[in-house]
Amino acid sequence: MPSPAVEALSVLVIEDDNHLLRTLRDILRLRGYAPMTAASGGEGLTLAAAAGAPLAVALIDLNLPDMDGTEVIGRLHAISALTETVI
């Protein structure tokens, strides 16, 4: 009897370098995660707010076009306090 499907953990990646963003997304998918990607802090925060469930991890670029990574972390914790963040 097959085991029930396990829901992949959601990982938010906020990175303004499009090549690196795609690479991280592909690596995470290959490892069984459900990546959500954004090219700016504002876009990432919008994705986090719309996710419906807490994100497991957020990988955040320190230098983003609209705000720095530390500001994103502060705002993200207001949306999803249980999300682990990495700069």
C-alpha atoms as a PDB file:
ATOM      1  CA  MET A   1       0.000   0.000   0.000  1.00  0.00           C
ATOM      2  CA  PRO A   2       1.562   3.351  -0.999  1.00  0.00           C
ATOM      3  CA  SER A   3       2.274   5.861   1.732  1.00  0.00           C
ATOM      4  CA  PRO A   4       0.233   9.088   1.771  1.00  0.00           C
ATOM      5  CA  ALA A   5       1.748  12.008  -0.112  1.00  0.00           C
ATOM      6  CA  VAL A   6       3.832  14.315   2.028  1.00  0.00           C
ATOM      7  CA  GLU A   7       3.298  18.006   1.392  1.00  0.00           C
ATOM      8  CA  ALA A   8       6.516  19.725   0.324  1.00  0.00           C
ATOM      9  CA  LEU A   9       7.837  22.427   2.624  1.00  0.00           C
ATOM     10  CA  SER A  10       7.453  25.932   1.210  1.00  0.00           C
ATOM     11  CA  VAL A  11      10.621  27.966   0.779  1.00  0.00           C
ATOM     12  CA  LEU A  12      10.520  31.633  -0.173  1.00  0.00           C
ATOM     13  CA  VAL A  13      13.526  32.866  -2.184  1.00  0.00           C
ATOM     14  CA  ILE A  14      13.902  36.635  -2.623  1.00  0.00           C
ATOM     15  CA  GLU A  15      16.758  37.448  -4.986  1.00  0.00           C
ATOM     16  CA  ASP A  16      17.087  40.167  -7.655  1.00  0.00           C
ATOM     17  CA  ASP A  17      19.689  38.262  -9.715  1.00  0.00           C
ATOM     18  CA  ASN A  18      17.418  36.341 -12.097  1.00  0.00           C
ATOM     19  CA  HIS A  19      20.016  33.668 -12.913  1.00  0.00           C
ATOM     20  CA  LEU A  20      20.677  32.915  -9.228  1.00  0.00           C
ATOM     21  CA  LEU A  21      16.937  32.981  -8.490  1.00  0.00           C
ATOM     22  CA  ARG A  22      16.254  30.338 -11.157  1.00  0.00           C
ATOM     23  CA  THR A  23      19.197  28.220  -9.987  1.00  0.00           C
ATOM     24  CA  LEU A  24      18.036  28.246  -6.360  1.00  0.00           C
ATOM     25  CA  ARG A  25      14.456  27.465  -7.424  1.00  0.00           C
ATOM     26  CA  ASP A  26      15.628  24.494  -9.501  1.00  0.00           C
ATOM     27  CA  ILE A  27      17.847  23.115  -6.721  1.00  0.00           C
ATOM     28  CA  LEU A  28      15.032  23.396  -4.181  1.00  0.00           C
ATOM     29  CA  ARG A  29      12.571  21.635  -6.510  1.00  0.00           C
ATOM     30  CA  LEU A  30      15.054  18.811  -7.111  1.00  0.00           C
ATOM     31  CA  ARG A  31      15.404  18.415  -3.341  1.00  0.00           C
ATOM     32  CA  GLY A  32      11.623  18.099  -2.886  1.00  0.00           C
ATOM     33  CA  TYR A  33      10.780  21.597  -1.641  1.00  0.00           C
ATOM     34  CA  ALA A  34       8.071  23.911  -2.957  1.00  0.00           C
ATOM     35  CA  PRO A  35       9.940  27.124  -3.815  1.00  0.00           C
ATOM     36  CA  MET A  36       8.217  30.478  -4.167  1.00  0.00           C
ATOM     37  CA  THR A  37      10.397  33.099  -5.855  1.00  0.00           C
ATOM     38  CA  ALA A  38      10.413  36.894  -5.911  1.00  0.00           C
ATOM     39  CA  ALA A  39      12.757  39.503  -7.378  1.00  0.00           C
ATOM     40  CA  SER A  40      12.036  42.199  -4.775  1.00  0.00           C
ATOM     41  CA  GLY A  41      11.238  42.502  -1.094  1.00  0.00           C
ATOM     42  CA  GLY A  42       7.739  43.804  -1.748  1.00  0.00           C
ATOM     43  CA  GLU A  43       6.952  40.958  -4.136  1.00  0.00           C
ATOM     44  CA  GLY A  44       8.262  38.413  -1.624  1.00  0.00           C
ATOM     45  CA  LEU A  45       6.192  39.861   1.214  1.00  0.00           C
ATOM     46  CA  THR A  46       3.091  39.740  -0.984  1.00  0.00           C
ATOM     47  CA  LEU A  47       3.761  36.054  -1.741  1.00  0.00           C
ATOM     48  CA  ALA A  48       4.293  35.302   1.950  1.00  0.00           C
ATOM     49  CA  ALA A  49       1.045  37.009   2.927  1.00  0.00           C
ATOM     50  CA  ALA A  50      -0.882  35.098   0.247  1.00  0.00           C
ATOM     51  CA  ALA A  51       0.708  31.720   1.031  1.00  0.00           C
ATOM     52  CA  GLY A  52      -2.074  30.680   3.396  1.00  0.00           C
ATOM     53  CA  ALA A  53       0.303  28.584   5.499  1.00  0.00           C
ATOM     54  CA  PRO A  54       3.543  29.494   7.270  1.00  0.00           C
ATOM     55  CA  LEU A  55       6.636  29.248   5.110  1.00  0.00           C
ATOM     56  CA  ALA A  56       9.293  26.857   6.391  1.00  0.00           C
ATOM     57  CA  VAL A  57      12.282  28.951   5.309  1.00  0.00           C
ATOM     58  CA  ALA A  58      13.004  32.230   3.526  1.00  0.00           C
ATOM     59  CA  LEU A  59      16.286  32.819   1.687  1.00  0.00           C
ATOM     60  CA  ILE A  60      16.692  36.572   1.296  1.00  0.00           C
ATOM     61  CA  ASP A  61      19.226  38.638  -0.636  1.00  0.00           C
ATOM     62  CA  LEU A  62      20.670  41.398   1.529  1.00  0.00           C
ATOM     63  CA  ASN A  63      20.672  44.008  -1.275  1.00  0.00           C
ATOM     64  CA  LEU A  64      17.304  44.209  -3.001  1.00  0.00           C
ATOM     65  CA  PRO A  65      16.084  46.965  -5.323  1.00  0.00           C
ATOM     66  CA  ASP A  66      13.252  48.171  -3.069  1.00  0.00           C
ATOM     67  CA  MET A  67      14.515  47.462   0.478  1.00  0.00           C
ATOM     68  CA  ASP A  68      17.344  45.668   2.229  1.00  0.00           C
ATOM     69  CA  GLY A  69      17.122  42.089   3.408  1.00  0.00           C
ATOM     70  CA  THR A  70      17.014  42.976   7.109  1.00  0.00           C
ATOM     71  CA  GLU A  71      13.901  45.097   6.529  1.00  0.00           C
ATOM     72  CA  VAL A  72      12.304  42.199   4.641  1.00  0.00           C
ATOM     73  CA  ILE A  73      13.037  39.883   7.574  1.00  0.00           C
ATOM     74  CA  GLY A  74      11.362  42.248  10.037  1.00  0.00           C
ATOM     75  CA  ARG A  75       8.262  42.548   7.875  1.00  0.00           C
ATOM     76  CA  LEU A  76       8.223  38.821   7.122  1.00  0.00           C
ATOM     77  CA  HIS A  77       8.221  37.939  10.815  1.00  0.00           C
ATOM     78  CA  ALA A  78       5.120  40.112  11.237  1.00  0.00           C
ATOM     79  CA  ILE A  79       3.414  38.024   8.522  1.00  0.00           C
ATOM     80  CA  SER A  80       4.840  34.592   9.395  1.00  0.00           C
ATOM     81  CA  ALA A  81       6.541  34.516  12.791  1.00  0.00           C
ATOM     82  CA  LEU A  82       7.530  30.839  12.509  1.00  0.00           C
ATOM     83  CA  THR A  83       9.480  31.243   9.254  1.00  0.00           C
ATOM     84  CA  GLU A  84      13.237  30.698   9.553  1.00  0.00           C
ATOM     85  CA  THR A  85      15.172  33.325   7.626  1.00  0.00           C
ATOM     86  CA  VAL A  86      18.588  33.240   5.978  1.00  0.00           C
ATOM     87  CA  ILE A  87      20.405  36.198   4.424  1.00  0.00           C
END
